[in-house]
């Protein structure tokens, strides 16, 4: 199976996730479920049962590694689940996707701070959040460049 199928499906999922995250501040479980099923299906086609098990193991390890950030309210549940979906599609690059997503998020945060500082606005806004689906999409893209 061609790798481009994974890219196309994951791009569509990310587009929808970013839209719903920015619009309604949440990433729906139905989208996550569809992404997991599509990723597992493609893993099964490409690597059989072993491919599916490997994809699930990587998604589980990402979930276990990031659950603490959810507990301390540093990352939303939808964001963690979206990273797990990306891990199911590309298990061999799961940790690169996680690292690049956090680097992209840091860059976006620093850029926002610099823009506010340049405008003379307060640097820290108490209730501001980063829609982390955007850094996840960017980080995943950067992993393949």
N, C-alpha and C. Protein backbone atom coordinates (compact mmCIF):
# COMPACT_ATOMS: atom_id res chain seq x y z
N UNK A 1 0.85 -1.19 0.00
CA UNK A 1 0.00 0.00 0.00
C UNK A 1 0.88 1.24 0.00
N UNK A 2 0.46 2.22 -0.72
CA UNK A 2 1.23 3.45 -0.83
C UNK A 2 1.11 4.28 0.45
N UNK A 3 2.22 4.86 0.83
CA UNK A 3 2.26 5.71 2.03
C UNK A 3 1.38 6.94 1.87
N UNK A 4 1.18 7.39 0.64
CA UNK A 4 0.42 8.61 0.42
C UNK A 4 -1.01 8.48 0.93
N UNK A 5 -1.54 7.27 0.99
CA UNK A 5 -2.90 7.08 1.51
C UNK A 5 -2.95 7.50 2.97
N UNK A 6 -1.93 7.11 3.74
CA UNK A 6 -1.86 7.51 5.15
C UNK A 6 -1.80 9.03 5.27
N UNK A 7 -0.98 9.67 4.44
CA UNK A 7 -0.84 11.12 4.49
C UNK A 7 -2.16 11.82 4.20
N UNK A 8 -2.87 11.34 3.20
CA UNK A 8 -4.13 11.97 2.80
C UNK A 8 -5.17 11.81 3.91
N UNK A 9 -5.30 10.62 4.45
CA UNK A 9 -6.30 10.37 5.50
C UNK A 9 -5.97 11.18 6.75
N UNK A 10 -4.70 11.16 7.16
CA UNK A 10 -4.31 11.90 8.36
C UNK A 10 -4.45 13.41 8.16
N UNK A 11 -4.17 13.89 6.97
CA UNK A 11 -4.34 15.33 6.69
C UNK A 11 -5.80 15.73 6.83
N UNK A 12 -6.70 14.90 6.32
CA UNK A 12 -8.14 15.18 6.48
C UNK A 12 -8.57 15.19 7.93
N UNK A 13 -8.06 14.23 8.69
CA UNK A 13 -8.37 14.18 10.13
C UNK A 13 -7.84 15.41 10.85
N UNK A 14 -6.61 15.79 10.54
CA UNK A 14 -6.03 16.97 11.17
C UNK A 14 -6.79 18.24 10.81
N UNK A 15 -7.20 18.36 9.55
CA UNK A 15 -7.96 19.54 9.13
C UNK A 15 -9.24 19.67 9.95
N UNK A 16 -9.94 18.57 10.10
CA UNK A 16 -11.18 18.58 10.88
C UNK A 16 -10.90 18.85 12.36
N UNK A 17 -9.85 18.24 12.90
CA UNK A 17 -9.50 18.43 14.31
C UNK A 17 -9.13 19.89 14.60
N UNK A 18 -8.35 20.50 13.73
CA UNK A 18 -7.97 21.90 13.93
C UNK A 18 -9.21 22.79 13.86
N UNK A 19 -10.08 22.52 12.90
CA UNK A 19 -11.30 23.32 12.75
C UNK A 19 -12.16 23.24 14.02
N UNK A 20 -12.42 22.02 14.49
CA UNK A 20 -13.29 21.90 15.67
C UNK A 20 -12.61 22.42 16.92
N UNK A 21 -11.30 22.28 17.02
CA UNK A 21 -10.57 22.78 18.18
C UNK A 21 -10.62 24.31 18.23
N UNK A 22 -10.39 24.94 17.11
CA UNK A 22 -10.40 26.41 17.07
C UNK A 22 -11.83 26.93 17.22
N UNK A 23 -12.77 26.27 16.59
CA UNK A 23 -14.16 26.75 16.61
C UNK A 23 -14.86 26.50 17.93
N UNK A 24 -14.72 25.28 18.47
CA UNK A 24 -15.50 24.90 19.66
C UNK A 24 -14.63 24.48 20.85
N UNK A 25 -13.32 24.64 20.76
CA UNK A 25 -12.40 24.29 21.85
C UNK A 25 -12.46 22.82 22.25
N UNK A 26 -12.75 21.96 21.29
CA UNK A 26 -12.74 20.53 21.59
C UNK A 26 -12.53 19.74 20.31
N UNK A 27 -11.99 18.55 20.50
CA UNK A 27 -11.81 17.61 19.40
C UNK A 27 -12.72 16.43 19.72
N UNK A 28 -13.68 16.18 18.88
CA UNK A 28 -14.70 15.19 19.15
C UNK A 28 -14.19 13.76 19.20
N UNK A 29 -14.79 12.98 20.09
CA UNK A 29 -14.41 11.58 20.20
C UNK A 29 -14.76 10.79 18.95
N UNK A 30 -15.79 11.21 18.22
CA UNK A 30 -16.13 10.51 16.98
C UNK A 30 -15.02 10.67 15.95
N UNK A 31 -14.40 11.84 15.91
CA UNK A 31 -13.27 12.07 15.00
C UNK A 31 -12.08 11.22 15.43
N UNK A 32 -11.81 11.19 16.72
CA UNK A 32 -10.70 10.38 17.24
C UNK A 32 -10.96 8.90 16.95
N UNK A 33 -12.17 8.44 17.19
CA UNK A 33 -12.52 7.04 16.92
C UNK A 33 -12.36 6.69 15.45
N UNK A 34 -12.83 7.58 14.57
CA UNK A 34 -12.69 7.35 13.13
C UNK A 34 -11.21 7.31 12.75
N UNK A 35 -10.43 8.19 13.33
CA UNK A 35 -8.99 8.21 13.05
C UNK A 35 -8.30 6.94 13.52
N UNK A 36 -8.67 6.48 14.71
CA UNK A 36 -8.07 5.25 15.23
C UNK A 36 -8.44 4.05 14.36
N UNK A 37 -9.70 3.98 13.95
CA UNK A 37 -10.14 2.86 13.12
C UNK A 37 -9.45 2.90 11.75
N UNK A 38 -9.36 4.08 11.17
CA UNK A 38 -8.69 4.20 9.87
C UNK A 38 -7.21 3.85 9.99
N UNK A 39 -6.57 4.35 11.03
CA UNK A 39 -5.15 4.06 11.23
C UNK A 39 -4.90 2.58 11.47
N UNK A 40 -5.74 1.96 12.29
CA UNK A 40 -5.59 0.53 12.54
C UNK A 40 -5.88 -0.29 11.29
N UNK A 41 -6.87 0.14 10.52
CA UNK A 41 -7.16 -0.55 9.26
C UNK A 41 -6.00 -0.49 8.30
N UNK A 42 -5.41 0.69 8.16
CA UNK A 42 -4.26 0.84 7.27
C UNK A 42 -3.05 0.07 7.80
N UNK A 43 -2.87 0.05 9.13
CA UNK A 43 -1.78 -0.73 9.72
C UNK A 43 -1.99 -2.22 9.47
N UNK A 44 -3.24 -2.67 9.54
CA UNK A 44 -3.55 -4.06 9.28
C UNK A 44 -3.30 -4.44 7.83
N UNK A 45 -3.66 -3.55 6.91
CA UNK A 45 -3.42 -3.80 5.48
C UNK A 45 -1.92 -3.86 5.21
N UNK A 46 -1.19 -2.95 5.83
CA UNK A 46 0.25 -2.86 5.57
C UNK A 46 1.05 -3.93 6.30
N UNK A 47 0.72 -4.20 7.57
CA UNK A 47 1.56 -5.10 8.36
C UNK A 47 0.84 -6.25 9.03
N UNK A 48 -0.43 -6.45 8.71
CA UNK A 48 -1.19 -7.53 9.32
C UNK A 48 -1.45 -7.27 10.80
N UNK A 49 -1.69 -8.33 11.52
CA UNK A 49 -1.97 -8.23 12.96
C UNK A 49 -0.78 -7.62 13.69
N UNK A 50 0.43 -8.00 13.30
CA UNK A 50 1.62 -7.45 13.96
C UNK A 50 1.70 -5.94 13.78
N UNK A 51 1.34 -5.44 12.61
CA UNK A 51 1.34 -4.01 12.37
C UNK A 51 0.32 -3.29 13.23
N UNK A 52 -0.84 -3.91 13.39
CA UNK A 52 -1.88 -3.32 14.23
C UNK A 52 -1.45 -3.30 15.69
N UNK A 53 -0.85 -4.38 16.16
CA UNK A 53 -0.40 -4.45 17.55
C UNK A 53 0.70 -3.42 17.80
N UNK A 54 1.63 -3.29 16.86
CA UNK A 54 2.71 -2.31 17.01
C UNK A 54 2.14 -0.90 17.07
N UNK A 55 1.18 -0.60 16.20
CA UNK A 55 0.55 0.73 16.20
C UNK A 55 -0.15 1.00 17.53
N UNK A 56 -0.87 0.01 18.04
CA UNK A 56 -1.56 0.18 19.32
C UNK A 56 -0.57 0.34 20.47
N UNK A 57 0.53 -0.39 20.43
CA UNK A 57 1.54 -0.24 21.49
C UNK A 57 2.15 1.15 21.48
N UNK A 58 2.41 1.70 20.31
CA UNK A 58 2.98 3.05 20.26
C UNK A 58 1.97 4.09 20.73
N UNK A 59 0.71 3.92 20.34
CA UNK A 59 -0.32 4.85 20.81
C UNK A 59 -0.46 4.76 22.33
N UNK A 60 -0.42 3.56 22.86
CA UNK A 60 -0.51 3.38 24.31
C UNK A 60 0.68 3.99 25.04
N UNK A 61 1.86 3.88 24.47
CA UNK A 61 3.04 4.46 25.12
C UNK A 61 2.98 5.99 25.09
N UNK A 62 2.47 6.55 24.00
CA UNK A 62 2.29 8.01 23.93
C UNK A 62 1.27 8.44 24.97
N UNK A 63 0.17 7.71 25.08
CA UNK A 63 -0.85 8.02 26.07
C UNK A 63 -0.28 7.98 27.49
N UNK A 64 0.45 6.93 27.80
CA UNK A 64 1.04 6.81 29.15
C UNK A 64 2.06 7.91 29.43
N UNK A 65 2.82 8.28 28.42
CA UNK A 65 3.84 9.31 28.62
C UNK A 65 3.23 10.70 28.83
N UNK A 66 2.06 10.95 28.21
CA UNK A 66 1.48 12.29 28.25
C UNK A 66 0.33 12.46 29.23
N UNK A 67 -0.10 11.40 29.87
CA UNK A 67 -1.27 11.48 30.76
C UNK A 67 -1.02 12.45 31.92
N UNK A 68 0.22 12.55 32.35
CA UNK A 68 0.53 13.49 33.44
C UNK A 68 0.22 14.93 33.02
N UNK A 69 0.49 15.26 31.76
CA UNK A 69 0.19 16.62 31.30
C UNK A 69 -1.32 16.90 31.32
N UNK A 70 -2.12 15.88 31.11
CA UNK A 70 -3.57 16.04 31.23
C UNK A 70 -3.96 16.26 32.68
N UNK A 71 -3.35 15.50 33.57
CA UNK A 71 -3.67 15.61 35.00
C UNK A 71 -3.37 17.00 35.54
N UNK A 72 -2.24 17.60 35.11
CA UNK A 72 -1.88 18.93 35.59
C UNK A 72 -2.47 20.04 34.71
N UNK A 73 -3.37 19.66 33.81
CA UNK A 73 -4.08 20.58 32.93
C UNK A 73 -3.15 21.33 31.98
N UNK A 74 -2.08 20.68 31.59
CA UNK A 74 -1.15 21.27 30.63
C UNK A 74 -1.52 20.94 29.20
N UNK A 75 -2.33 19.91 29.03
CA UNK A 75 -2.72 19.46 27.70
C UNK A 75 -4.11 18.87 27.79
N UNK A 76 -4.93 19.12 26.80
CA UNK A 76 -6.29 18.60 26.81
C UNK A 76 -6.34 17.14 26.40
N UNK A 77 -7.41 16.47 26.78
CA UNK A 77 -7.57 15.06 26.45
C UNK A 77 -7.63 14.85 24.94
N UNK A 78 -8.31 15.73 24.23
CA UNK A 78 -8.40 15.62 22.78
C UNK A 78 -7.04 15.73 22.11
N UNK A 79 -6.19 16.59 22.65
CA UNK A 79 -4.85 16.76 22.09
C UNK A 79 -4.02 15.48 22.27
N UNK A 80 -4.12 14.88 23.43
CA UNK A 80 -3.39 13.64 23.68
C UNK A 80 -3.92 12.53 22.77
N UNK A 81 -5.24 12.46 22.64
CA UNK A 81 -5.83 11.44 21.78
C UNK A 81 -5.44 11.67 20.31
N UNK A 82 -5.33 12.92 19.90
CA UNK A 82 -4.92 13.23 18.53
C UNK A 82 -3.47 12.78 18.29
N UNK A 83 -2.63 12.96 19.28
CA UNK A 83 -1.25 12.46 19.17
C UNK A 83 -1.24 10.93 19.10
N UNK A 84 -2.13 10.29 19.82
CA UNK A 84 -2.24 8.83 19.74
C UNK A 84 -2.69 8.39 18.35
N UNK A 85 -3.60 9.13 17.74
CA UNK A 85 -4.04 8.81 16.38
C UNK A 85 -2.86 8.93 15.41
N UNK A 86 -2.09 10.00 15.53
CA UNK A 86 -0.92 10.16 14.67
C UNK A 86 0.07 9.00 14.88
N UNK A 87 0.16 8.52 16.11
CA UNK A 87 1.05 7.40 16.43
C UNK A 87 0.56 6.09 15.81
N UNK A 88 -0.74 5.94 15.68
CA UNK A 88 -1.28 4.74 15.04
C UNK A 88 -0.96 4.76 13.54
N UNK A 89 -1.05 5.92 12.92
CA UNK A 89 -0.75 6.02 11.49
C UNK A 89 0.74 5.83 11.21
N UNK A 90 1.59 6.42 12.05
CA UNK A 90 3.03 6.36 11.82
C UNK A 90 3.74 5.95 13.12
N UNK A 91 3.62 4.68 13.52
CA UNK A 91 4.19 4.26 14.81
C UNK A 91 5.71 4.38 14.87
N UNK A 92 6.36 4.25 13.74
CA UNK A 92 7.82 4.35 13.73
C UNK A 92 8.30 5.78 13.95
N UNK A 93 7.42 6.74 13.80
CA UNK A 93 7.78 8.15 13.99
C UNK A 93 7.02 8.79 15.15
N UNK A 94 6.42 8.00 16.00
CA UNK A 94 5.56 8.52 17.06
C UNK A 94 6.28 9.52 17.95
N UNK A 95 7.45 9.18 18.40
CA UNK A 95 8.16 10.08 19.33
C UNK A 95 8.67 11.33 18.62
N UNK A 96 9.04 11.19 17.36
CA UNK A 96 9.43 12.38 16.60
C UNK A 96 8.25 13.33 16.44
N UNK A 97 7.06 12.77 16.21
CA UNK A 97 5.85 13.59 16.08
C UNK A 97 5.56 14.31 17.39
N UNK A 98 5.69 13.61 18.51
CA UNK A 98 5.44 14.23 19.82
C UNK A 98 6.43 15.37 20.06
N UNK A 99 7.70 15.11 19.85
CA UNK A 99 8.74 16.13 20.09
C UNK A 99 8.54 17.32 19.17
N UNK A 100 8.32 17.07 17.89
CA UNK A 100 8.15 18.18 16.95
C UNK A 100 6.87 18.97 17.25
N UNK A 101 5.84 18.31 17.74
CA UNK A 101 4.60 19.01 18.11
C UNK A 101 4.86 19.97 19.27
N UNK A 102 5.61 19.52 20.26
CA UNK A 102 5.91 20.40 21.38
C UNK A 102 6.84 21.54 20.97
N UNK A 103 7.78 21.27 20.09
CA UNK A 103 8.64 22.35 19.59
C UNK A 103 7.81 23.37 18.80
N UNK A 104 6.89 22.89 17.97
CA UNK A 104 6.02 23.80 17.21
C UNK A 104 5.14 24.62 18.16
N UNK A 105 4.62 23.97 19.20
CA UNK A 105 3.81 24.69 20.19
C UNK A 105 4.61 25.75 20.92
N UNK A 106 5.83 25.43 21.27
CA UNK A 106 6.71 26.40 21.92
C UNK A 106 7.00 27.58 21.01
N UNK A 107 7.26 27.30 19.75
CA UNK A 107 7.52 28.37 18.79
C UNK A 107 6.31 29.28 18.64
N UNK A 108 5.13 28.68 18.54
CA UNK A 108 3.90 29.47 18.40
C UNK A 108 3.68 30.32 19.65
N UNK A 109 3.92 29.77 20.84
CA UNK A 109 3.75 30.52 22.09
C UNK A 109 4.73 31.69 22.16
N UNK A 110 5.98 31.44 21.83
CA UNK A 110 6.98 32.52 21.88
C UNK A 110 6.66 33.59 20.84
N UNK A 111 6.22 33.18 19.66
CA UNK A 111 5.85 34.16 18.63
C UNK A 111 4.69 35.03 19.11
N UNK A 112 3.72 34.42 19.77
CA UNK A 112 2.60 35.20 20.31
C UNK A 112 3.04 36.19 21.37
N UNK A 113 3.96 35.76 22.23
CA UNK A 113 4.49 36.65 23.26
C UNK A 113 5.22 37.82 22.63
N UNK A 114 6.05 37.55 21.62
CA UNK A 114 6.80 38.62 20.96
C UNK A 114 5.88 39.60 20.24
N UNK A 115 4.82 39.10 19.63
CA UNK A 115 3.86 39.98 18.95
C UNK A 115 3.18 40.89 19.97
N UNK A 116 2.75 40.32 21.10
CA UNK A 116 2.11 41.15 22.14
C UNK A 116 3.09 42.16 22.72
N UNK A 117 4.33 41.75 22.93
CA UNK A 117 5.35 42.66 23.48
C UNK A 117 5.61 43.80 22.51
N UNK A 118 5.69 43.47 21.23
CA UNK A 118 5.95 44.49 20.20
C UNK A 118 4.81 45.50 20.12
N UNK A 119 3.59 45.05 20.34
CA UNK A 119 2.43 45.94 20.31
C UNK A 119 2.24 46.70 21.61
N UNK A 120 3.02 46.40 22.63
CA UNK A 120 2.89 47.05 23.92
C UNK A 120 1.76 46.49 24.77
N UNK A 121 1.28 45.31 24.42
CA UNK A 121 0.21 44.66 25.17
C UNK A 121 0.82 43.82 26.30
N UNK A 122 0.00 43.42 27.27
CA UNK A 122 0.51 42.53 28.31
C UNK A 122 1.02 41.22 27.69
N UNK A 123 2.16 40.79 28.17
CA UNK A 123 2.78 39.59 27.61
C UNK A 123 2.00 38.34 27.99
N UNK A 124 1.54 38.28 29.22
CA UNK A 124 0.83 37.09 29.69
C UNK A 124 -0.65 37.40 29.80
N UNK A 125 -1.45 36.57 29.18
CA UNK A 125 -2.90 36.68 29.27
C UNK A 125 -3.38 35.47 30.04
N UNK A 126 -4.01 35.69 31.17
CA UNK A 126 -4.32 34.62 32.12
C UNK A 126 -5.11 33.46 31.52
N UNK A 127 -6.14 33.72 30.78
CA UNK A 127 -7.01 32.66 30.28
C UNK A 127 -6.71 32.24 28.85
N UNK A 128 -5.57 32.63 28.33
CA UNK A 128 -5.26 32.28 26.96
C UNK A 128 -4.83 30.81 26.85
N UNK A 129 -5.30 30.15 25.82
CA UNK A 129 -4.90 28.77 25.56
C UNK A 129 -4.37 28.66 24.14
N UNK A 130 -3.53 27.69 23.94
CA UNK A 130 -3.06 27.36 22.60
C UNK A 130 -3.89 26.18 22.13
N UNK A 131 -4.48 26.30 20.98
CA UNK A 131 -5.20 25.17 20.40
C UNK A 131 -4.12 24.21 19.89
N UNK A 132 -3.82 23.20 20.69
CA UNK A 132 -2.65 22.37 20.44
C UNK A 132 -2.81 21.46 19.23
N UNK A 133 -4.00 21.39 18.67
CA UNK A 133 -4.15 20.61 17.44
C UNK A 133 -3.32 21.23 16.31
N UNK A 134 -3.13 22.54 16.35
CA UNK A 134 -2.33 23.21 15.33
C UNK A 134 -0.86 22.78 15.43
N UNK A 135 -0.23 22.86 16.62
CA UNK A 135 1.15 22.35 16.71
C UNK A 135 1.28 20.86 16.41
N UNK A 136 0.24 20.07 16.70
CA UNK A 136 0.31 18.65 16.38
C UNK A 136 0.35 18.47 14.86
N UNK A 137 -0.50 19.19 14.16
CA UNK A 137 -0.51 19.09 12.69
C UNK A 137 0.82 19.59 12.11
N UNK A 138 1.30 20.72 12.61
CA UNK A 138 2.56 21.28 12.13
C UNK A 138 3.72 20.35 12.48
N UNK A 139 3.74 19.85 13.71
CA UNK A 139 4.81 18.94 14.14
C UNK A 139 4.84 17.66 13.33
N UNK A 140 3.68 17.13 13.00
CA UNK A 140 3.63 15.93 12.17
C UNK A 140 4.17 16.23 10.78
N UNK A 141 3.78 17.36 10.23
CA UNK A 141 4.30 17.76 8.92
C UNK A 141 5.81 17.92 8.96
N UNK A 142 6.32 18.58 9.99
CA UNK A 142 7.77 18.79 10.10
C UNK A 142 8.53 17.47 10.25
N UNK A 143 7.91 16.48 10.80
CA UNK A 143 8.55 15.18 10.96
C UNK A 143 8.87 14.55 9.61
N UNK A 144 8.07 14.89 8.60
CA UNK A 144 8.26 14.28 7.28
C UNK A 144 9.04 15.15 6.32
N UNK A 145 9.49 16.29 6.76
CA UNK A 145 10.29 17.17 5.89
C UNK A 145 11.75 16.80 5.98
